[in-house]
N, C-alpha and C. Protein backbone atom coordinates (compact mmCIF):
# COMPACT_ATOMS: atom_id res chain seq x y z
N MET A 1 23.19 -72.40 -127.73
CA MET A 1 22.93 -71.27 -126.86
C MET A 1 22.60 -71.73 -125.45
N ARG A 2 21.80 -72.80 -125.33
CA ARG A 2 21.43 -73.32 -124.02
C ARG A 2 22.66 -73.87 -123.29
N VAL A 3 23.57 -74.52 -124.02
CA VAL A 3 24.78 -75.06 -123.41
C VAL A 3 25.63 -73.93 -122.84
N LEU A 4 25.72 -72.83 -123.55
CA LEU A 4 26.49 -71.68 -123.10
C LEU A 4 25.89 -71.11 -121.82
N LYS A 5 24.56 -71.02 -121.75
CA LYS A 5 23.89 -70.48 -120.58
C LYS A 5 24.11 -71.38 -119.37
N VAL A 6 23.97 -72.70 -119.55
CA VAL A 6 24.16 -73.65 -118.45
C VAL A 6 25.61 -73.63 -117.98
N THR A 7 26.53 -73.57 -118.91
CA THR A 7 27.95 -73.52 -118.56
C THR A 7 28.27 -72.26 -117.79
N SER A 8 27.72 -71.14 -118.22
CA SER A 8 27.94 -69.88 -117.54
C SER A 8 27.40 -69.93 -116.12
N GLN A 9 26.21 -70.49 -115.96
CA GLN A 9 25.61 -70.58 -114.62
C GLN A 9 26.39 -71.55 -113.74
N ALA A 10 26.86 -72.63 -114.29
CA ALA A 10 27.65 -73.59 -113.52
C ALA A 10 28.95 -72.95 -113.05
N LEU A 11 29.59 -72.18 -113.91
CA LEU A 11 30.82 -71.49 -113.51
C LEU A 11 30.54 -70.45 -112.43
N THR A 12 29.42 -69.77 -112.55
CA THR A 12 29.04 -68.79 -111.52
C THR A 12 28.85 -69.48 -110.18
N LEU A 13 28.18 -70.63 -110.18
CA LEU A 13 27.97 -71.38 -108.94
C LEU A 13 29.29 -71.86 -108.35
N LEU A 14 30.18 -72.33 -109.19
CA LEU A 14 31.48 -72.79 -108.70
C LEU A 14 32.27 -71.63 -108.11
N LEU A 15 32.23 -70.50 -108.75
CA LEU A 15 32.92 -69.32 -108.25
C LEU A 15 32.32 -68.88 -106.92
N ALA A 16 31.01 -68.87 -106.86
CA ALA A 16 30.34 -68.47 -105.61
C ALA A 16 30.68 -69.44 -104.48
N ALA A 17 30.71 -70.72 -104.78
CA ALA A 17 31.03 -71.71 -103.75
C ALA A 17 32.48 -71.57 -103.31
N GLY A 18 33.35 -71.27 -104.23
CA GLY A 18 34.76 -71.10 -103.89
C GLY A 18 35.00 -69.89 -103.01
N LEU A 19 34.18 -68.85 -103.18
CA LEU A 19 34.33 -67.63 -102.39
C LEU A 19 33.52 -67.69 -101.11
N GLY A 20 32.71 -68.73 -100.95
CA GLY A 20 31.89 -68.86 -99.76
C GLY A 20 30.66 -67.99 -99.81
N VAL A 21 30.23 -67.61 -100.99
CA VAL A 21 29.06 -66.76 -101.17
C VAL A 21 27.93 -67.62 -101.70
N SER A 22 26.73 -67.37 -101.23
CA SER A 22 25.60 -68.14 -101.74
C SER A 22 25.26 -67.65 -103.14
N ALA A 23 24.73 -68.55 -103.93
CA ALA A 23 24.38 -68.22 -105.30
C ALA A 23 23.17 -67.31 -105.33
N SER A 24 23.04 -66.55 -106.40
CA SER A 24 21.90 -65.65 -106.54
C SER A 24 20.63 -66.46 -106.76
N PRO A 25 19.45 -65.87 -106.49
CA PRO A 25 18.20 -66.61 -106.68
C PRO A 25 18.00 -67.06 -108.12
N VAL A 26 18.46 -66.26 -109.09
CA VAL A 26 18.30 -66.64 -110.49
C VAL A 26 19.12 -67.90 -110.78
N ALA A 27 20.35 -67.96 -110.27
CA ALA A 27 21.19 -69.13 -110.50
C ALA A 27 20.61 -70.35 -109.80
N ALA A 28 20.03 -70.16 -108.60
CA ALA A 28 19.43 -71.28 -107.88
C ALA A 28 18.20 -71.77 -108.60
N GLN A 29 17.45 -70.84 -109.20
CA GLN A 29 16.25 -71.22 -109.93
C GLN A 29 16.61 -72.01 -111.18
N THR A 30 17.63 -71.58 -111.89
CA THR A 30 18.03 -72.29 -113.10
C THR A 30 18.67 -73.62 -112.75
N GLN A 31 19.26 -73.73 -111.57
CA GLN A 31 19.84 -75.00 -111.17
C GLN A 31 18.76 -76.04 -110.98
N THR A 32 17.61 -75.65 -110.45
CA THR A 32 16.52 -76.61 -110.26
C THR A 32 15.95 -77.04 -111.60
N THR A 33 15.96 -76.14 -112.59
CA THR A 33 15.46 -76.54 -113.90
C THR A 33 16.46 -77.43 -114.63
N THR A 34 17.73 -77.31 -114.33
CA THR A 34 18.73 -78.13 -115.00
C THR A 34 18.93 -79.47 -114.31
N GLN A 35 18.20 -79.74 -113.23
CA GLN A 35 18.36 -81.01 -112.55
C GLN A 35 17.84 -82.18 -113.37
N LYS A 36 17.08 -81.88 -114.42
CA LYS A 36 16.64 -82.96 -115.30
C LYS A 36 17.84 -83.61 -115.96
N LYS A 37 18.82 -82.78 -116.33
CA LYS A 37 20.06 -83.27 -116.92
C LYS A 37 21.20 -82.88 -116.01
N PRO A 38 21.44 -83.60 -114.93
CA PRO A 38 22.51 -83.19 -114.02
C PRO A 38 23.88 -83.36 -114.65
N SER A 39 24.66 -82.33 -114.54
CA SER A 39 26.04 -82.43 -115.00
C SER A 39 26.94 -82.44 -113.78
N SER A 40 28.14 -82.89 -113.93
CA SER A 40 29.04 -83.00 -112.78
C SER A 40 29.39 -81.63 -112.23
N THR A 41 29.48 -80.59 -113.08
CA THR A 41 29.82 -79.27 -112.58
C THR A 41 28.65 -78.64 -111.85
N ALA A 42 27.43 -78.86 -112.31
CA ALA A 42 26.27 -78.27 -111.65
C ALA A 42 26.03 -78.93 -110.29
N LYS A 43 26.30 -80.25 -110.20
CA LYS A 43 26.09 -80.96 -108.94
C LYS A 43 27.04 -80.47 -107.86
N SER A 44 28.27 -80.20 -108.20
CA SER A 44 29.24 -79.80 -107.19
C SER A 44 29.21 -78.29 -106.98
N GLY A 45 28.10 -77.68 -107.31
CA GLY A 45 27.95 -76.23 -107.27
C GLY A 45 28.25 -75.58 -105.94
N GLY A 46 28.00 -76.20 -104.84
CA GLY A 46 28.32 -75.54 -103.59
C GLY A 46 27.41 -75.93 -102.46
N THR A 47 26.53 -76.88 -102.68
CA THR A 47 25.62 -77.22 -101.59
C THR A 47 26.37 -77.86 -100.44
N SER A 48 27.32 -78.73 -100.71
CA SER A 48 28.04 -79.37 -99.60
C SER A 48 28.98 -78.37 -98.93
N ARG A 49 29.56 -77.47 -99.69
CA ARG A 49 30.46 -76.48 -99.11
C ARG A 49 29.72 -75.49 -98.23
N SER A 50 28.56 -75.03 -98.71
CA SER A 50 27.84 -74.04 -97.93
C SER A 50 27.35 -74.66 -96.62
N LYS A 51 27.00 -75.94 -96.62
CA LYS A 51 26.59 -76.58 -95.37
C LYS A 51 27.76 -76.65 -94.41
N LYS A 52 28.94 -76.97 -94.91
CA LYS A 52 30.11 -77.04 -94.04
C LYS A 52 30.42 -75.68 -93.45
N SER A 53 30.39 -74.64 -94.28
CA SER A 53 30.73 -73.32 -93.77
C SER A 53 29.70 -72.81 -92.78
N SER A 54 28.41 -73.17 -92.99
CA SER A 54 27.41 -72.72 -92.03
C SER A 54 27.57 -73.44 -90.70
N ARG A 55 28.00 -74.70 -90.73
CA ARG A 55 28.25 -75.41 -89.48
C ARG A 55 29.43 -74.78 -88.74
N LYS A 56 30.47 -74.43 -89.48
CA LYS A 56 31.63 -73.82 -88.84
C LYS A 56 31.26 -72.48 -88.23
N SER A 57 30.51 -71.66 -88.96
CA SER A 57 30.19 -70.35 -88.44
C SER A 57 29.27 -70.43 -87.23
N SER A 58 28.38 -71.41 -87.20
CA SER A 58 27.49 -71.51 -86.04
C SER A 58 28.25 -71.98 -84.81
N SER A 59 29.28 -72.80 -84.98
CA SER A 59 30.05 -73.23 -83.81
C SER A 59 30.98 -72.13 -83.32
N ARG A 60 31.28 -71.18 -84.18
CA ARG A 60 32.15 -70.07 -83.79
C ARG A 60 31.36 -68.87 -83.29
N SER A 61 30.03 -68.95 -83.30
CA SER A 61 29.24 -67.79 -82.93
C SER A 61 29.48 -67.44 -81.46
N ARG A 62 29.40 -66.18 -81.21
CA ARG A 62 29.70 -65.66 -79.89
C ARG A 62 28.48 -65.79 -78.98
N GLN A 63 28.72 -66.22 -77.78
CA GLN A 63 27.65 -66.35 -76.80
C GLN A 63 27.27 -64.97 -76.30
N ARG A 64 25.97 -64.73 -76.19
CA ARG A 64 25.50 -63.45 -75.68
C ARG A 64 25.35 -63.51 -74.18
N GLY A 65 25.42 -62.36 -73.57
CA GLY A 65 25.19 -62.27 -72.14
C GLY A 65 26.47 -62.30 -71.34
N GLN A 66 26.30 -62.11 -70.06
CA GLN A 66 27.44 -62.06 -69.16
C GLN A 66 27.81 -63.46 -68.70
N LYS A 67 29.09 -63.74 -68.62
CA LYS A 67 29.55 -65.03 -68.14
C LYS A 67 29.50 -65.06 -66.62
N VAL A 68 29.29 -66.25 -66.08
CA VAL A 68 29.25 -66.44 -64.64
C VAL A 68 30.67 -66.36 -64.09
N PRO A 69 30.87 -65.60 -63.00
CA PRO A 69 32.22 -65.52 -62.43
C PRO A 69 32.65 -66.87 -61.84
N THR A 70 33.92 -67.11 -61.86
CA THR A 70 34.45 -68.35 -61.29
C THR A 70 34.35 -68.28 -59.76
N PRO A 71 34.38 -69.43 -59.09
CA PRO A 71 34.34 -69.42 -57.62
C PRO A 71 35.47 -68.59 -57.00
N ASP A 72 36.65 -68.60 -57.62
CA ASP A 72 37.76 -67.79 -57.12
C ASP A 72 37.44 -66.30 -57.21
N ARG A 73 36.83 -65.90 -58.32
CA ARG A 73 36.47 -64.49 -58.50
C ARG A 73 35.37 -64.10 -57.52
N ILE A 74 34.41 -65.00 -57.28
CA ILE A 74 33.34 -64.72 -56.31
C ILE A 74 33.94 -64.56 -54.92
N SER A 75 34.90 -65.42 -54.56
CA SER A 75 35.57 -65.29 -53.26
C SER A 75 36.29 -63.95 -53.15
N GLU A 76 36.91 -63.53 -54.23
CA GLU A 76 37.61 -62.25 -54.25
C GLU A 76 36.62 -61.09 -54.04
N ILE A 77 35.46 -61.19 -54.66
CA ILE A 77 34.42 -60.16 -54.51
C ILE A 77 33.89 -60.18 -53.07
N GLN A 78 33.66 -61.38 -52.53
CA GLN A 78 33.18 -61.49 -51.15
C GLN A 78 34.19 -60.91 -50.16
N GLN A 79 35.48 -61.12 -50.41
CA GLN A 79 36.52 -60.55 -49.54
C GLN A 79 36.50 -59.02 -49.61
N ALA A 80 36.32 -58.48 -50.81
CA ALA A 80 36.26 -57.02 -50.97
C ALA A 80 35.02 -56.46 -50.28
N LEU A 81 33.90 -57.18 -50.38
CA LEU A 81 32.68 -56.73 -49.69
C LEU A 81 32.87 -56.79 -48.17
N ALA A 82 33.55 -57.83 -47.69
CA ALA A 82 33.81 -57.96 -46.25
C ALA A 82 34.71 -56.83 -45.76
N LYS A 83 35.70 -56.45 -46.58
CA LYS A 83 36.60 -55.35 -46.21
C LYS A 83 35.83 -54.05 -46.01
N ASN A 84 34.79 -53.87 -46.82
CA ASN A 84 33.97 -52.67 -46.74
C ASN A 84 32.84 -52.81 -45.72
N GLY A 85 32.74 -53.94 -45.04
CA GLY A 85 31.74 -54.14 -44.01
C GLY A 85 30.37 -54.56 -44.49
N ALA A 86 30.22 -54.83 -45.79
CA ALA A 86 28.91 -55.21 -46.32
C ALA A 86 28.66 -56.71 -46.19
N TYR A 87 29.70 -57.51 -46.22
CA TYR A 87 29.57 -58.98 -46.17
C TYR A 87 30.08 -59.47 -44.82
N THR A 88 29.26 -60.27 -44.11
CA THR A 88 29.66 -60.71 -42.78
C THR A 88 30.08 -62.17 -42.72
N GLY A 89 29.79 -62.95 -43.75
CA GLY A 89 30.13 -64.38 -43.74
C GLY A 89 31.56 -64.62 -44.17
N ASN A 90 31.92 -65.90 -44.22
CA ASN A 90 33.23 -66.29 -44.74
C ASN A 90 33.14 -66.45 -46.25
N PRO A 91 34.11 -65.94 -47.00
CA PRO A 91 34.09 -66.10 -48.46
C PRO A 91 34.09 -67.59 -48.83
N ASN A 92 33.05 -68.01 -49.56
CA ASN A 92 32.92 -69.42 -49.91
C ASN A 92 32.92 -69.67 -51.42
N GLY A 93 32.97 -68.64 -52.23
CA GLY A 93 33.00 -68.81 -53.68
C GLY A 93 31.65 -69.12 -54.30
N LYS A 94 30.57 -68.96 -53.52
CA LYS A 94 29.22 -69.21 -54.05
C LYS A 94 28.44 -67.90 -54.03
N TRP A 95 27.75 -67.63 -55.13
CA TRP A 95 26.95 -66.42 -55.24
C TRP A 95 25.57 -66.75 -54.65
N ASP A 96 25.47 -66.62 -53.33
CA ASP A 96 24.25 -66.98 -52.63
C ASP A 96 23.49 -65.72 -52.20
N ALA A 97 22.40 -65.92 -51.46
CA ALA A 97 21.54 -64.80 -51.05
C ALA A 97 22.29 -63.80 -50.18
N SER A 98 23.17 -64.27 -49.31
CA SER A 98 23.90 -63.34 -48.44
C SER A 98 24.87 -62.48 -49.26
N THR A 99 25.41 -63.03 -50.32
CA THR A 99 26.30 -62.25 -51.20
C THR A 99 25.50 -61.20 -51.95
N VAL A 100 24.30 -61.57 -52.42
CA VAL A 100 23.45 -60.61 -53.14
C VAL A 100 23.04 -59.48 -52.20
N ASP A 101 22.65 -59.82 -50.97
CA ASP A 101 22.28 -58.80 -49.99
C ASP A 101 23.46 -57.87 -49.68
N ALA A 102 24.62 -58.44 -49.51
CA ALA A 102 25.82 -57.64 -49.25
C ALA A 102 26.12 -56.73 -50.42
N MET A 103 25.94 -57.25 -51.63
CA MET A 103 26.19 -56.45 -52.84
C MET A 103 25.20 -55.28 -52.91
N LYS A 104 23.94 -55.54 -52.58
CA LYS A 104 22.94 -54.46 -52.59
C LYS A 104 23.28 -53.39 -51.55
N ARG A 105 23.68 -53.82 -50.37
CA ARG A 105 24.06 -52.86 -49.33
C ARG A 105 25.25 -52.01 -49.78
N PHE A 106 26.25 -52.68 -50.34
CA PHE A 106 27.44 -51.96 -50.82
C PHE A 106 27.06 -50.96 -51.90
N GLN A 107 26.25 -51.39 -52.87
CA GLN A 107 25.87 -50.51 -53.97
C GLN A 107 25.07 -49.31 -53.46
N GLU A 108 24.19 -49.55 -52.50
CA GLU A 108 23.37 -48.46 -51.97
C GLU A 108 24.23 -47.44 -51.22
N THR A 109 25.17 -47.90 -50.41
CA THR A 109 26.01 -46.97 -49.65
C THR A 109 26.99 -46.20 -50.52
N HIS A 110 27.27 -46.71 -51.72
CA HIS A 110 28.22 -46.03 -52.61
C HIS A 110 27.51 -45.29 -53.75
N GLY A 111 26.20 -45.11 -53.63
CA GLY A 111 25.47 -44.32 -54.62
C GLY A 111 25.26 -45.01 -55.95
N LEU A 112 25.31 -46.33 -55.97
CA LEU A 112 25.10 -47.09 -57.19
C LEU A 112 23.68 -47.66 -57.19
N ASN A 113 23.24 -48.15 -58.31
CA ASN A 113 21.93 -48.78 -58.42
C ASN A 113 21.95 -50.10 -57.66
N PRO A 114 21.18 -50.22 -56.57
CA PRO A 114 21.26 -51.43 -55.73
C PRO A 114 20.53 -52.64 -56.33
N THR A 115 21.15 -53.26 -57.31
CA THR A 115 20.55 -54.42 -57.97
C THR A 115 21.03 -55.73 -57.37
N GLY A 116 22.18 -55.73 -56.73
CA GLY A 116 22.76 -56.97 -56.22
C GLY A 116 23.51 -57.73 -57.27
N LYS A 117 23.59 -57.17 -58.47
CA LYS A 117 24.30 -57.81 -59.59
C LYS A 117 25.64 -57.11 -59.82
N LEU A 118 26.55 -57.86 -60.44
CA LEU A 118 27.86 -57.30 -60.76
C LEU A 118 27.76 -56.40 -61.97
N ASP A 119 28.41 -55.27 -61.91
CA ASP A 119 28.57 -54.43 -63.08
C ASP A 119 29.93 -53.73 -62.97
N ALA A 120 30.31 -53.04 -64.01
CA ALA A 120 31.64 -52.44 -64.07
C ALA A 120 31.85 -51.40 -62.98
N LYS A 121 30.85 -50.56 -62.73
CA LYS A 121 31.03 -49.51 -61.73
C LYS A 121 31.14 -50.08 -60.32
N THR A 122 30.38 -51.14 -60.04
CA THR A 122 30.48 -51.77 -58.72
C THR A 122 31.86 -52.38 -58.52
N LEU A 123 32.36 -53.07 -59.54
CA LEU A 123 33.70 -53.65 -59.43
C LEU A 123 34.76 -52.57 -59.25
N GLN A 124 34.57 -51.42 -59.90
CA GLN A 124 35.52 -50.31 -59.71
C GLN A 124 35.49 -49.83 -58.26
N GLN A 125 34.31 -49.66 -57.71
CA GLN A 125 34.18 -49.20 -56.33
C GLN A 125 34.78 -50.19 -55.35
N LEU A 126 34.69 -51.49 -55.69
CA LEU A 126 35.28 -52.52 -54.83
C LEU A 126 36.80 -52.58 -54.98
N GLY A 127 37.33 -51.92 -55.99
CA GLY A 127 38.76 -51.96 -56.25
C GLY A 127 39.17 -53.18 -57.06
N LEU A 128 38.20 -53.80 -57.73
CA LEU A 128 38.48 -55.01 -58.50
C LEU A 128 38.31 -54.82 -60.00
N GLY A 129 37.89 -53.67 -60.43
CA GLY A 129 37.62 -53.46 -61.85
C GLY A 129 38.66 -52.61 -62.52
N SER A 130 38.47 -52.44 -63.80
CA SER A 130 39.34 -51.60 -64.60
C SER A 130 39.03 -50.13 -64.32
N ALA A 131 40.02 -49.29 -64.46
CA ALA A 131 39.83 -47.86 -64.22
C ALA A 131 38.97 -47.22 -65.30
N THR A 132 38.90 -47.84 -66.47
CA THR A 132 38.15 -47.25 -67.58
C THR A 132 36.87 -48.00 -67.91
N ALA A 133 36.64 -49.16 -67.32
CA ALA A 133 35.46 -49.95 -67.65
C ALA A 133 34.20 -49.22 -67.23
N GLY A 134 33.24 -49.12 -68.13
CA GLY A 134 31.97 -48.50 -67.82
C GLY A 134 31.98 -46.99 -67.84
N VAL A 135 33.12 -46.37 -68.09
CA VAL A 135 33.21 -44.91 -68.07
C VAL A 135 32.86 -44.33 -69.43
N ALA A 136 33.51 -44.82 -70.48
CA ALA A 136 33.27 -44.30 -71.83
C ALA A 136 33.63 -45.37 -72.84
N ALA A 137 33.21 -45.12 -74.06
CA ALA A 137 33.54 -46.03 -75.15
C ALA A 137 35.03 -46.00 -75.41
N PRO A 138 35.62 -47.12 -75.84
CA PRO A 138 37.06 -47.14 -76.12
C PRO A 138 37.42 -46.16 -77.23
N MET A 139 38.54 -45.53 -77.08
CA MET A 139 39.03 -44.58 -78.08
C MET A 139 40.08 -45.26 -78.94
N PRO A 140 40.05 -45.01 -80.25
CA PRO A 140 41.09 -45.59 -81.10
C PRO A 140 42.44 -44.94 -80.81
N PRO A 141 43.52 -45.68 -80.96
CA PRO A 141 44.84 -45.11 -80.70
C PRO A 141 45.15 -44.01 -81.71
N VAL A 142 45.85 -43.00 -81.25
CA VAL A 142 46.22 -41.88 -82.10
C VAL A 142 47.55 -42.21 -82.75
N SER A 143 47.59 -42.16 -84.06
CA SER A 143 48.84 -42.42 -84.76
C SER A 143 49.44 -41.10 -85.24
N SER A 144 50.70 -41.11 -85.51
CA SER A 144 51.37 -39.88 -85.94
C SER A 144 50.90 -39.43 -87.31
N SER A 145 50.43 -40.36 -88.14
CA SER A 145 49.95 -39.98 -89.47
C SER A 145 48.57 -39.33 -89.39
N ALA A 146 47.85 -39.56 -88.29
CA ALA A 146 46.52 -38.97 -88.15
C ALA A 146 46.59 -37.51 -87.73
N VAL A 147 47.70 -37.10 -87.15
CA VAL A 147 47.86 -35.72 -86.71
C VAL A 147 48.23 -34.88 -87.91
N LYS A 148 47.41 -33.85 -88.15
CA LYS A 148 47.68 -33.00 -89.32
C LYS A 148 48.54 -31.82 -88.90
N ALA A 149 49.54 -31.54 -89.69
CA ALA A 149 50.40 -30.38 -89.45
C ALA A 149 49.71 -29.14 -90.01
N PRO A 150 49.91 -27.99 -89.38
CA PRO A 150 49.30 -26.77 -89.92
C PRO A 150 49.90 -26.46 -91.29
N PRO A 151 49.10 -25.89 -92.18
CA PRO A 151 49.62 -25.60 -93.52
C PRO A 151 50.75 -24.57 -93.46
N ALA A 152 51.76 -24.78 -94.27
CA ALA A 152 52.92 -23.88 -94.29
C ALA A 152 52.52 -22.53 -94.91
N GLN A 153 53.08 -21.46 -94.35
CA GLN A 153 52.82 -20.12 -94.89
C GLN A 153 53.66 -19.91 -96.13
N SER A 154 53.08 -19.32 -97.09
CA SER A 154 53.79 -19.06 -98.33
C SER A 154 54.65 -17.81 -98.16
N ALA A 155 55.90 -17.85 -98.64
CA ALA A 155 56.83 -16.71 -98.55
C ALA A 155 56.42 -15.59 -99.47
N GLU A 156 55.75 -15.92 -100.56
CA GLU A 156 55.34 -14.92 -101.54
C GLU A 156 54.17 -14.10 -101.05
N ARG A 157 53.46 -14.60 -100.11
CA ARG A 157 52.27 -13.94 -99.62
C ARG A 157 52.64 -12.77 -98.72
N GLN A 158 52.17 -11.56 -99.00
CA GLN A 158 52.50 -10.39 -98.18
C GLN A 158 51.35 -9.47 -98.05
């Protein structure tokens, strides 16, 4: 009976490791009790695999926050600010104090929150942003199968 239980738990661990799922706490608890008699199937249960998959997922994790604009993009923004009269220097591709001041002036004159930081609405006003960025949440595309036809009228109905 004990051999059947250990075999069942070992197969569960192998299945969980193959699917990339962590083992249940009961299986992990019984694995620690079976370490007195290590078997080859219980040892290869998934500890090395789960470590590999966690390393892969952590390297693929998405960075939070806004990315810093490239010097070319900053120059483009400075040129747009200069066109509107807010920036008086030469575009140098550096986000310095004069660029922040120019951005605040531009935002204030266009009715935006004068933070001096880039946002979607400011880029739209500068003519550098997307027409839909910052306006509303993206809408899913409408497919022809999603459109419902009105129910057909029955000929027998009078």
